[in-house]
Amino acid sequence: MVFEEGWAVTPLRWLMDELGEAQLARMGDEPGLVAAIDQHAAELRDTVPLDKETLRDYLLGFLDELRDRGWVFDGRLDAPALRLTAVCWVARELGYLEDGRPA
């Protein structure tokens, strides 16, 4: 994942482009991935209100923590990658990326 200048202006859109599209596409072929994403999405629903602004703020904080820890997405679906994929799935399901506006 490359944190180019300005990525934080539209973090949901950035994450979908960097990681989400490819990982969500895998869900059709990997039932285990669907279950893991569903679990992370349930944790998100239980943890934060899922309005667009709060989900964006959650994502920014989560990514800041990952960057501080030196985490890099290497293609493996470890816990951080699953959580990020779940954020993408929730954002897509709630229509936050379909209205043509920055997210």
PDB file of N, CA and C in Angstrom:
ATOM      1  N   MET A   1       0.850  -1.172   0.000  1.00  0.00           N
ATOM      2  CA  MET A   1       0.000   0.000   0.000  1.00  0.00           C
ATOM      3  C   MET A   1       0.893   1.231   0.000  1.00  0.00           C
ATOM      4  N   VAL A   2       0.580   2.131  -0.877  1.00  0.00           N
ATOM      5  CA  VAL A   2       1.371   3.343  -1.004  1.00  0.00           C
ATOM      6  C   VAL A   2       0.549   4.510  -0.485  1.00  0.00           C
ATOM      7  N   PHE A   3       1.094   5.214   0.490  1.00  0.00           N
ATOM      8  CA  PHE A   3       0.416   6.367   1.066  1.00  0.00           C
ATOM      9  C   PHE A   3       0.885   7.631   0.341  1.00  0.00           C
ATOM     10  N   GLU A   4       0.308   7.844  -0.824  1.00  0.00           N
ATOM     11  CA  GLU A   4       0.667   9.018  -1.605  1.00  0.00           C
ATOM     12  C   GLU A   4       0.074  10.271  -0.968  1.00  0.00           C
ATOM     13  N   GLU A   5       0.645  11.396  -1.324  1.00  0.00           N
ATOM     14  CA  GLU A   5       0.148  12.659  -0.804  1.00  0.00           C
ATOM     15  C   GLU A   5      -1.343  12.801  -1.105  1.00  0.00           C
ATOM     16  N   GLY A   6      -2.096  13.177  -0.093  1.00  0.00           N
ATOM     17  CA  GLY A   6      -3.526  13.407  -0.252  1.00  0.00           C
ATOM     18  C   GLY A   6      -4.399  12.192  -0.015  1.00  0.00           C
ATOM     19  N   TRP A   7      -3.807  11.033   0.286  1.00  0.00           N
ATOM     20  CA  TRP A   7      -4.596   9.819   0.472  1.00  0.00           C
ATOM     21  C   TRP A   7      -5.635   9.974   1.575  1.00  0.00           C
ATOM     22  N   ALA A   8      -5.319  10.743   2.603  1.00  0.00           N
ATOM     23  CA  ALA A   8      -6.219  10.864   3.756  1.00  0.00           C
ATOM     24  C   ALA A   8      -7.432  11.747   3.483  1.00  0.00           C
ATOM     25  N   VAL A   9      -7.450  12.440   2.355  1.00  0.00           N
ATOM     26  CA  VAL A   9      -8.606  13.284   2.019  1.00  0.00           C
ATOM     27  C   VAL A   9      -9.818  12.412   1.709  1.00  0.00           C
ATOM     28  N   THR A  10      -9.593  11.294   1.050  1.00  0.00           N
ATOM     29  CA  THR A  10     -10.678  10.356   0.707  1.00  0.00           C
ATOM     30  C   THR A  10     -10.240   8.935   1.088  1.00  0.00           C
ATOM     31  N   PRO A  11     -10.130   8.660   2.389  1.00  0.00           N
ATOM     32  CA  PRO A  11      -9.530   7.391   2.809  1.00  0.00           C
ATOM     33  C   PRO A  11     -10.319   6.148   2.414  1.00  0.00           C
ATOM     34  N   LEU A  12     -11.634   6.214   2.395  1.00  0.00           N
ATOM     35  CA  LEU A  12     -12.408   5.033   1.999  1.00  0.00           C
ATOM     36  C   LEU A  12     -12.181   4.700   0.531  1.00  0.00           C
ATOM     37  N   ARG A  13     -12.194   5.712  -0.302  1.00  0.00           N
ATOM     38  CA  ARG A  13     -11.948   5.503  -1.731  1.00  0.00           C
ATOM     39  C   ARG A  13     -10.518   5.006  -1.950  1.00  0.00           C
ATOM     40  N   TRP A  14      -9.558   5.629  -1.264  1.00  0.00           N
ATOM     41  CA  TRP A  14      -8.165   5.221  -1.378  1.00  0.00           C
ATOM     42  C   TRP A  14      -8.000   3.758  -0.988  1.00  0.00           C
ATOM     43  N   LEU A  15      -8.590   3.353   0.143  1.00  0.00           N
ATOM     44  CA  LEU A  15      -8.452   1.978   0.606  1.00  0.00           C
ATOM     45  C   LEU A  15      -9.101   1.003  -0.374  1.00  0.00           C
ATOM     46  N   MET A  16     -10.247   1.364  -0.913  1.00  0.00           N
ATOM     47  CA  MET A  16     -10.902   0.490  -1.879  1.00  0.00           C
ATOM     48  C   MET A  16     -10.002   0.283  -3.098  1.00  0.00           C
ATOM     49  N   ASP A  17      -9.357   1.357  -3.558  1.00  0.00           N
ATOM     50  CA  ASP A  17      -8.458   1.254  -4.715  1.00  0.00           C
ATOM     51  C   ASP A  17      -7.192   0.459  -4.388  1.00  0.00           C
ATOM     52  N   GLU A  18      -6.628   0.679  -3.211  1.00  0.00           N
ATOM     53  CA  GLU A  18      -5.360   0.060  -2.841  1.00  0.00           C
ATOM     54  C   GLU A  18      -5.486  -1.413  -2.463  1.00  0.00           C
ATOM     55  N   LEU A  19      -6.589  -1.782  -1.815  1.00  0.00           N
ATOM     56  CA  LEU A  19      -6.699  -3.119  -1.264  1.00  0.00           C
ATOM     57  C   LEU A  19      -8.078  -3.726  -1.476  1.00  0.00           C
ATOM     58  N   GLY A  20      -9.105  -2.943  -1.299  1.00  0.00           N
ATOM     59  CA  GLY A  20     -10.463  -3.458  -1.233  1.00  0.00           C
ATOM     60  C   GLY A  20     -10.974  -4.157  -2.469  1.00  0.00           C
ATOM     61  N   GLU A  21     -10.815  -3.545  -3.633  1.00  0.00           N
ATOM     62  CA  GLU A  21     -11.362  -4.140  -4.861  1.00  0.00           C
ATOM     63  C   GLU A  21     -10.835  -5.551  -5.066  1.00  0.00           C
ATOM     64  N   ALA A  22      -9.541  -5.725  -4.939  1.00  0.00           N
ATOM     65  CA  ALA A  22      -8.939  -7.043  -5.172  1.00  0.00           C
ATOM     66  C   ALA A  22      -9.368  -8.054  -4.119  1.00  0.00           C
ATOM     67  N   GLN A  23      -9.403  -7.624  -2.863  1.00  0.00           N
ATOM     68  CA  GLN A  23      -9.765  -8.556  -1.800  1.00  0.00           C
ATOM     69  C   GLN A  23     -11.250  -8.919  -1.848  1.00  0.00           C
ATOM     70  N   LEU A  24     -12.095  -7.949  -2.125  1.00  0.00           N
ATOM     71  CA  LEU A  24     -13.529  -8.228  -2.218  1.00  0.00           C
ATOM     72  C   LEU A  24     -13.831  -9.147  -3.395  1.00  0.00           C
ATOM     73  N   ALA A  25     -13.076  -9.028  -4.461  1.00  0.00           N
ATOM     74  CA  ALA A  25     -13.267  -9.900  -5.616  1.00  0.00           C
ATOM     75  C   ALA A  25     -12.965 -11.353  -5.262  1.00  0.00           C
ATOM     76  N   ARG A  26     -12.060 -11.574  -4.336  1.00  0.00           N
ATOM     77  CA  ARG A  26     -11.704 -12.928  -3.905  1.00  0.00           C
ATOM     78  C   ARG A  26     -12.814 -13.603  -3.112  1.00  0.00           C
ATOM     79  N   MET A  27     -13.721 -12.817  -2.552  1.00  0.00           N
ATOM     80  CA  MET A  27     -14.752 -13.384  -1.681  1.00  0.00           C
ATOM     81  C   MET A  27     -15.648 -14.374  -2.411  1.00  0.00           C
ATOM     82  N   GLY A  28     -15.864 -14.195  -3.698  1.00  0.00           N
ATOM     83  CA  GLY A  28     -16.709 -15.105  -4.453  1.00  0.00           C
ATOM     84  C   GLY A  28     -16.146 -16.508  -4.562  1.00  0.00           C
ATOM     85  N   ASP A  29     -14.838 -16.642  -4.453  1.00  0.00           N
ATOM     86  CA  ASP A  29     -14.178 -17.933  -4.598  1.00  0.00           C
ATOM     87  C   ASP A  29     -13.691 -18.534  -3.287  1.00  0.00           C
ATOM     88  N   GLU A  30     -13.767 -17.775  -2.210  1.00  0.00           N
ATOM     89  CA  GLU A  30     -13.186 -18.231  -0.944  1.00  0.00           C
ATOM     90  C   GLU A  30     -14.187 -18.084   0.202  1.00  0.00           C
ATOM     91  N   PRO A  31     -14.966 -19.129   0.485  1.00  0.00           N
ATOM     92  CA  PRO A  31     -15.958 -19.048   1.558  1.00  0.00           C
ATOM     93  C   PRO A  31     -15.344 -18.707   2.916  1.00  0.00           C
ATOM     94  N   GLY A  32     -14.132 -19.174   3.166  1.00  0.00           N
ATOM     95  CA  GLY A  32     -13.472 -18.857   4.433  1.00  0.00           C
ATOM     96  C   GLY A  32     -13.196 -17.371   4.565  1.00  0.00           C
ATOM     97  N   LEU A  33     -12.875 -16.737   3.455  1.00  0.00           N
ATOM     98  CA  LEU A  33     -12.641 -15.298   3.453  1.00  0.00           C
ATOM     99  C   LEU A  33     -13.935 -14.553   3.754  1.00  0.00           C
ATOM    100  N   VAL A  34     -15.041 -15.029   3.196  1.00  0.00           N
ATOM    101  CA  VAL A  34     -16.341 -14.407   3.469  1.00  0.00           C
ATOM    102  C   VAL A  34     -16.633 -14.453   4.965  1.00  0.00           C
ATOM    103  N   ALA A  35     -16.400 -15.598   5.577  1.00  0.00           N
ATOM    104  CA  ALA A  35     -16.659 -15.737   7.014  1.00  0.00           C
ATOM    105  C   ALA A  35     -15.768 -14.810   7.834  1.00  0.00           C
ATOM    106  N   ALA A  36     -14.496 -14.728   7.464  1.00  0.00           N
ATOM    107  CA  ALA A  36     -13.570 -13.862   8.207  1.00  0.00           C
ATOM    108  C   ALA A  36     -13.953 -12.394   8.064  1.00  0.00           C
ATOM    109  N   ILE A  37     -14.306 -11.979   6.857  1.00  0.00           N
ATOM    110  CA  ILE A  37     -14.706 -10.587   6.642  1.00  0.00           C
ATOM    111  C   ILE A  37     -15.991 -10.295   7.397  1.00  0.00           C
ATOM    112  N   ASP A  38     -16.918 -11.234   7.386  1.00  0.00           N
ATOM    113  CA  ASP A  38     -18.170 -11.062   8.109  1.00  0.00           C
ATOM    114  C   ASP A  38     -17.919 -10.878   9.607  1.00  0.00           C
ATOM    115  N   GLN A  39     -16.995 -11.635  10.162  1.00  0.00           N
ATOM    116  CA  GLN A  39     -16.663 -11.481  11.582  1.00  0.00           C
ATOM    117  C   GLN A  39     -16.080 -10.100  11.868  1.00  0.00           C
ATOM    118  N   HIS A  40     -15.184  -9.652  11.014  1.00  0.00           N
ATOM    119  CA  HIS A  40     -14.592  -8.322  11.219  1.00  0.00           C
ATOM    120  C   HIS A  40     -15.645  -7.224  11.027  1.00  0.00           C
ATOM    121  N   ALA A  41     -16.540  -7.408  10.076  1.00  0.00           N
ATOM    122  CA  ALA A  41     -17.605  -6.423   9.866  1.00  0.00           C
ATOM    123  C   ALA A  41     -18.527  -6.379  11.081  1.00  0.00           C
ATOM    124  N   ALA A  42     -18.809  -7.527  11.681  1.00  0.00           N
ATOM    125  CA  ALA A  42     -19.641  -7.557  12.886  1.00  0.00           C
ATOM    126  C   ALA A  42     -18.951  -6.820  14.034  1.00  0.00           C
ATOM    127  N   GLU A  43     -17.645  -6.996  14.155  1.00  0.00           N
ATOM    128  CA  GLU A  43     -16.901  -6.270  15.189  1.00  0.00           C
ATOM    129  C   GLU A  43     -16.954  -4.767  14.941  1.00  0.00           C
ATOM    130  N   LEU A  44     -16.861  -4.373  13.680  1.00  0.00           N
ATOM    131  CA  LEU A  44     -16.980  -2.947  13.349  1.00  0.00           C
ATOM    132  C   LEU A  44     -18.354  -2.418  13.757  1.00  0.00           C
ATOM    133  N   ARG A  45     -19.403  -3.159  13.400  1.00  0.00           N
ATOM    134  CA  ARG A  45     -20.764  -2.726  13.742  1.00  0.00           C
ATOM    135  C   ARG A  45     -20.944  -2.585  15.246  1.00  0.00           C
ATOM    136  N   ASP A  46     -20.271  -3.465  16.010  1.00  0.00           N
ATOM    137  CA  ASP A  46     -20.384  -3.424  17.464  1.00  0.00           C
ATOM    138  C   ASP A  46     -19.496  -2.353  18.093  1.00  0.00           C
ATOM    139  N   THR A  47     -18.505  -1.873  17.343  1.00  0.00           N
ATOM    140  CA  THR A  47     -17.499  -0.959  17.888  1.00  0.00           C
ATOM    141  C   THR A  47     -17.776   0.506  17.583  1.00  0.00           C
ATOM    142  N   VAL A  48     -18.153   0.803  16.351  1.00  0.00           N
ATOM    143  CA  VAL A  48     -18.312   2.204  15.937  1.00  0.00           C
ATOM    144  C   VAL A  48     -19.643   2.400  15.219  1.00  0.00           C
ATOM    145  N   PRO A  49     -20.209   3.593  15.332  1.00  0.00           N
ATOM    146  CA  PRO A  49     -21.364   3.899  14.479  1.00  0.00           C
ATOM    147  C   PRO A  49     -20.904   3.863  13.027  1.00  0.00           C
ATOM    148  N   LEU A  50     -21.727   3.362  12.148  1.00  0.00           N
ATOM    149  CA  LEU A  50     -21.288   3.162  10.772  1.00  0.00           C
ATOM    150  C   LEU A  50     -21.742   4.253   9.816  1.00  0.00           C
ATOM    151  N   ASP A  51     -21.857   5.488  10.315  1.00  0.00           N
ATOM    152  CA  ASP A  51     -22.083   6.582   9.374  1.00  0.00           C
ATOM    153  C   ASP A  51     -20.761   6.842   8.662  1.00  0.00           C
ATOM    154  N   LYS A  52     -20.828   7.488   7.518  1.00  0.00           N
ATOM    155  CA  LYS A  52     -19.646   7.670   6.671  1.00  0.00           C
ATOM    156  C   LYS A  52     -18.509   8.378   7.406  1.00  0.00           C
ATOM    157  N   GLU A  53     -18.819   9.455   8.109  1.00  0.00           N
ATOM    158  CA  GLU A  53     -17.766  10.222   8.778  1.00  0.00           C
ATOM    159  C   GLU A  53     -17.068   9.403   9.857  1.00  0.00           C
ATOM    160  N   THR A  54     -17.835   8.684  10.655  1.00  0.00           N
ATOM    161  CA  THR A  54     -17.234   7.891  11.731  1.00  0.00           C
ATOM    162  C   THR A  54     -16.415   6.742  11.167  1.00  0.00           C
ATOM    163  N   LEU A  55     -16.902   6.100  10.113  1.00  0.00           N
ATOM    164  CA  LEU A  55     -16.143   5.017   9.499  1.00  0.00           C
ATOM    165  C   LEU A  55     -14.833   5.551   8.912  1.00  0.00           C
ATOM    166  N   ARG A  56     -14.875   6.721   8.305  1.00  0.00           N
ATOM    167  CA  ARG A  56     -13.646   7.345   7.783  1.00  0.00           C
ATOM    168  C   ARG A  56     -12.672   7.635   8.913  1.00  0.00           C
ATOM    169  N   ASP A  57     -13.179   8.201  10.013  1.00  0.00           N
ATOM    170  CA  ASP A  57     -12.310   8.506  11.148  1.00  0.00           C
ATOM    171  C   ASP A  57     -11.704   7.233  11.750  1.00  0.00           C
ATOM    172  N   TYR A  58     -12.524   6.198  11.855  1.00  0.00           N
ATOM    173  CA  TYR A  58     -12.025   4.910  12.347  1.00  0.00           C
ATOM    174  C   TYR A  58     -10.891   4.415  11.451  1.00  0.00           C
ATOM    175  N   LEU A  59     -11.119   4.461  10.139  1.00  0.00           N
ATOM    176  CA  LEU A  59     -10.113   4.003   9.189  1.00  0.00           C
ATOM    177  C   LEU A  59      -8.820   4.799   9.324  1.00  0.00           C
ATOM    178  N   LEU A  60      -8.931   6.107   9.419  1.00  0.00           N
ATOM    179  CA  LEU A  60      -7.726   6.936   9.560  1.00  0.00           C
ATOM    180  C   LEU A  60      -6.947   6.557  10.809  1.00  0.00           C
ATOM    181  N   GLY A  61      -7.638   6.369  11.933  1.00  0.00           N
ATOM    182  CA  GLY A  61      -6.970   5.983  13.175  1.00  0.00           C
ATOM    183  C   GLY A  61      -6.340   4.603  13.082  1.00  0.00           C
ATOM    184  N   PHE A  62      -7.052   3.670  12.468  1.00  0.00           N
ATOM    185  CA  PHE A  62      -6.541   2.307  12.319  1.00  0.00           C
ATOM    186  C   PHE A  62      -5.295   2.301  11.432  1.00  0.00           C
ATOM    187  N   LEU A  63      -5.352   3.022  10.323  1.00  0.00           N
ATOM    188  CA  LEU A  63      -4.194   3.096   9.436  1.00  0.00           C
ATOM    189  C   LEU A  63      -3.014   3.790  10.102  1.00  0.00           C
ATOM    190  N   ASP A  64      -3.263   4.832  10.884  1.00  0.00           N
ATOM    191  CA  ASP A  64      -2.169   5.491  11.607  1.00  0.00           C
ATOM    192  C   ASP A  64      -1.478   4.509  12.547  1.00  0.00           C
ATOM    193  N   GLU A  65      -2.271   3.703  13.251  1.00  0.00           N
ATOM    194  CA  GLU A  65      -1.696   2.709  14.162  1.00  0.00           C
ATOM    195  C   GLU A  65      -0.882   1.667  13.393  1.00  0.00           C
ATOM    196  N   LEU A  66      -1.423   1.209  12.275  1.00  0.00           N
ATOM    197  CA  LEU A  66      -0.686   0.231  11.466  1.00  0.00           C
ATOM    198  C   LEU A  66       0.630   0.809  10.957  1.00  0.00           C
ATOM    199  N   ARG A  67       0.594   2.048  10.527  1.00  0.00           N
ATOM    200  CA  ARG A  67       1.820   2.692  10.037  1.00  0.00           C
ATOM    201  C   ARG A  67       2.832   2.842  11.161  1.00  0.00           C
ATOM    202  N   ASP A  68       2.357   3.215  12.362  1.00  0.00           N
ATOM    203  CA  ASP A  68       3.260   3.338  13.507  1.00  0.00           C
ATOM    204  C   ASP A  68       3.916   2.003  13.847  1.00  0.00           C
ATOM    205  N   ARG A  69       3.199   0.913  13.628  1.00  0.00           N
ATOM    206  CA  ARG A  69       3.731  -0.425  13.918  1.00  0.00           C
ATOM    207  C   ARG A  69       4.572  -0.981  12.776  1.00  0.00           C
ATOM    208  N   GLY A  70       4.628  -0.258  11.661  1.00  0.00           N
ATOM    209  CA  GLY A  70       5.414  -0.706  10.525  1.00  0.00           C
ATOM    210  C   GLY A  70       4.735  -1.790   9.694  1.00  0.00           C
ATOM    211  N   TRP A  71       3.426  -1.938   9.849  1.00  0.00           N
ATOM    212  CA  TRP A  71       2.696  -2.953   9.077  1.00  0.00           C
ATOM    213  C   TRP A  71       2.635  -2.563   7.620  1.00  0.00           C
ATOM    214  N   VAL A  72       2.834  -3.541   6.758  1.00  0.00           N
ATOM    215  CA  VAL A  72       2.754  -3.357   5.321  1.00  0.00           C
ATOM    216  C   VAL A  72       1.916  -4.495   4.758  1.00  0.00           C
ATOM    217  N   PHE A  73       0.976  -4.181   3.898  1.00  0.00           N
ATOM    218  CA  PHE A  73       0.182  -5.225   3.259  1.00  0.00           C
ATOM    219  C   PHE A  73       1.047  -5.945   2.243  1.00  0.00           C
ATOM    220  N   ASP A  74       1.224  -7.236   2.466  1.00  0.00           N
ATOM    221  CA  ASP A  74       2.079  -8.033   1.590  1.00  0.00           C
ATOM    222  C   ASP A  74       1.287  -9.101   0.834  1.00  0.00           C
ATOM    223  N   GLY A  75      -0.025  -8.950   0.830  1.00  0.00           N
ATOM    224  CA  GLY A  75      -0.862  -9.911   0.132  1.00  0.00           C
ATOM    225  C   GLY A  75      -1.461 -10.968   1.037  1.00  0.00           C
ATOM    226  N   ARG A  76      -0.860 -11.158   2.209  1.00  0.00           N
ATOM    227  CA  ARG A  76      -1.424 -12.122   3.170  1.00  0.00           C
ATOM    228  C   ARG A  76      -2.644 -11.506   3.838  1.00  0.00           C
ATOM    229  N   LEU A  77      -3.613 -12.342   4.121  1.00  0.00           N
ATOM    230  CA  LEU A  77      -4.810 -11.851   4.799  1.00  0.00           C
ATOM    231  C   LEU A  77      -4.680 -12.077   6.294  1.00  0.00           C
ATOM    232  N   ASP A  78      -3.799 -11.270   6.898  1.00  0.00           N
ATOM    233  CA  ASP A  78      -3.652 -11.291   8.343  1.00  0.00           C
ATOM    234  C   ASP A  78      -4.762 -10.442   8.955  1.00  0.00           C
ATOM    235  N   ALA A  79      -4.787 -10.329  10.273  1.00  0.00           N
ATOM    236  CA  ALA A  79      -5.874  -9.608  10.945  1.00  0.00           C
ATOM    237  C   ALA A  79      -6.029  -8.168  10.453  1.00  0.00           C
ATOM    238  N   PRO A  80      -4.954  -7.395  10.311  1.00  0.00           N
ATOM    239  CA  PRO A  80      -5.138  -6.032   9.803  1.00  0.00           C
ATOM    240  C   PRO A  80      -5.723  -5.998   8.388  1.00  0.00           C
ATOM    241  N   ALA A  81      -5.253  -6.877   7.513  1.00  0.00           N
ATOM    242  CA  ALA A  81      -5.776  -6.903   6.141  1.00  0.00           C
ATOM    243  C   ALA A  81      -7.245  -7.294   6.126  1.00  0.00           C
ATOM    244  N   LEU A  82      -7.632  -8.235   6.985  1.00  0.00           N
ATOM    245  CA  LEU A  82      -9.038  -8.622   7.080  1.00  0.00           C
ATOM    246  C   LEU A  82      -9.883  -7.463   7.579  1.00  0.00           C
ATOM    247  N   ARG A  83      -9.364  -6.729   8.568  1.00  0.00           N
ATOM    248  CA  ARG A  83     -10.133  -5.591   9.092  1.00  0.00           C
ATOM    249  C   ARG A  83     -10.284  -4.511   8.028  1.00  0.00           C
ATOM    250  N   LEU A  84      -9.220  -4.235   7.291  1.00  0.00           N
ATOM    251  CA  LEU A  84      -9.300  -3.238   6.225  1.00  0.00           C
ATOM    252  C   LEU A  84     -10.262  -3.680   5.126  1.00  0.00           C
ATOM    253  N   THR A  85     -10.242  -4.953   4.803  1.00  0.00           N
ATOM    254  CA  THR A  85     -11.175  -5.469   3.802  1.00  0.00           C
ATOM    255  C   THR A  85     -12.606  -5.345   4.315  1.00  0.00           C
ATOM    256  N   ALA A  86     -12.810  -5.592   5.585  1.00  0.00           N
ATOM    257  CA  ALA A  86     -14.147  -5.445   6.175  1.00  0.00           C
ATOM    258  C   ALA A  86     -14.619  -3.990   6.106  1.00  0.00           C
ATOM    259  N   VAL A  87     -13.721  -3.049   6.322  1.00  0.00           N
ATOM    260  CA  VAL A  87     -14.082  -1.637   6.196  1.00  0.00           C
ATOM    261  C   VAL A  87     -14.550  -1.366   4.765  1.00  0.00           C
ATOM    262  N   CYS A  88     -13.843  -1.901   3.793  1.00  0.00           N
ATOM    263  CA  CYS A  88     -14.243  -1.723   2.395  1.00  0.00           C
ATOM    264  C   CYS A  88     -15.604  -2.350   2.128  1.00  0.00           C
ATOM    265  N   TRP A  89     -15.806  -3.540   2.642  1.00  0.00           N
ATOM    266  CA  TRP A  89     -17.077  -4.240   2.428  1.00  0.00           C
ATOM    267  C   TRP A  89     -18.229  -3.447   3.028  1.00  0.00           C
ATOM    268  N   VAL A  90     -18.054  -2.962   4.262  1.00  0.00           N
ATOM    269  CA  VAL A  90     -19.093  -2.168   4.930  1.00  0.00           C
ATOM    270  C   VAL A  90     -19.365  -0.894   4.140  1.00  0.00           C
ATOM    271  N   ALA A  91     -18.310  -0.196   3.729  1.00  0.00           N
ATOM    272  CA  ALA A  91     -18.474   1.051   2.968  1.00  0.00           C
ATOM    273  C   ALA A  91     -19.232   0.795   1.673  1.00  0.00           C
ATOM    274  N   ARG A  92     -18.897  -0.292   1.002  1.00  0.00           N
ATOM    275  CA  ARG A  92     -19.591  -0.629  -0.243  1.00  0.00           C
ATOM    276  C   ARG A  92     -21.055  -0.995   0.020  1.00  0.00           C
ATOM    277  N   GLU A  93     -21.294  -1.811   1.028  1.00  0.00           N
ATOM    278  CA  GLU A  93     -22.653  -2.249   1.338  1.00  0.00           C
ATOM    279  C   GLU A  93     -23.547  -1.084   1.756  1.00  0.00           C
ATOM    280  N   LEU A  94     -22.975  -0.104   2.414  1.00  0.00           N
ATOM    281  CA  LEU A  94     -23.743   1.059   2.859  1.00  0.00           C
ATOM    282  C   LEU A  94     -23.834   2.138   1.784  1.00  0.00           C
ATOM    283  N   GLY A  95     -23.219   1.907   0.637  1.00  0.00           N
ATOM    284  CA  GLY A  95     -23.320   2.836  -0.481  1.00  0.00           C
ATOM    285  C   GLY A  95     -22.437   4.060  -0.371  1.00  0.00           C
ATOM    286  N   TYR A  96     -21.416   4.007   0.469  1.00  0.00           N
ATOM    287  CA  TYR A  96     -20.564   5.177   0.658  1.00  0.00           C
ATOM    288  C   TYR A  96     -19.632   5.437  -0.518  1.00  0.00           C
ATOM    289  N   LEU A  97     -19.486   4.486  -1.403  1.00  0.00           N
ATOM    290  CA  LEU A  97     -18.578   4.645  -2.530  1.00  0.00           C
ATOM    291  C   LEU A  97     -19.308   4.673  -3.865  1.00  0.00           C
ATOM    292  N   GLU A  98     -20.610   4.742  -3.845  1.00  0.00           N
ATOM    293  CA  GLU A  98     -21.387   4.668  -5.090  1.00  0.00           C
ATOM    294  C   GLU A  98     -22.024   5.980  -5.501  1.00  0.00           C
ATOM    295  N   ASP A  99     -21.902   6.981  -4.679  1.00  0.00           N
ATOM    296  CA  ASP A  99     -22.629   8.220  -4.987  1.00  0.00           C
ATOM    297  C   ASP A  99     -21.813   9.220  -5.807  1.00  0.00           C
ATOM    298  N   GLY A 100     -20.639   8.843  -6.201  1.00  0.00           N
ATOM    299  CA  GLY A 100     -19.820   9.721  -7.022  1.00  0.00           C
ATOM    300  C   GLY A 100     -19.080  10.794  -6.234  1.00  0.00           C
ATOM    301  N   ARG A 101     -19.316  10.883  -4.942  1.00  0.00           N
ATOM    302  CA  ARG A 101     -18.615  11.886  -4.131  1.00  0.00           C
ATOM    303  C   ARG A 101     -17.391  11.263  -3.472  1.00  0.00           C
ATOM    304  N   PRO A 102     -16.411  12.070  -3.117  1.00  0.00           N
ATOM    305  CA  PRO A 102     -15.244  11.528  -2.425  1.00  0.00           C
ATOM    306  C   PRO A 102     -15.655  10.842  -1.135  1.00  0.00           C
ATOM    307  N   ALA A 103     -14.949   9.827  -0.811  1.00  0.00           N
ATOM    308  CA  ALA A 103     -15.199   9.120   0.445  1.00  0.00           C
ATOM    309  C   ALA A 103     -13.876   8.875   1.120  1.00  0.00           C
TER     310      ALA A 103
END
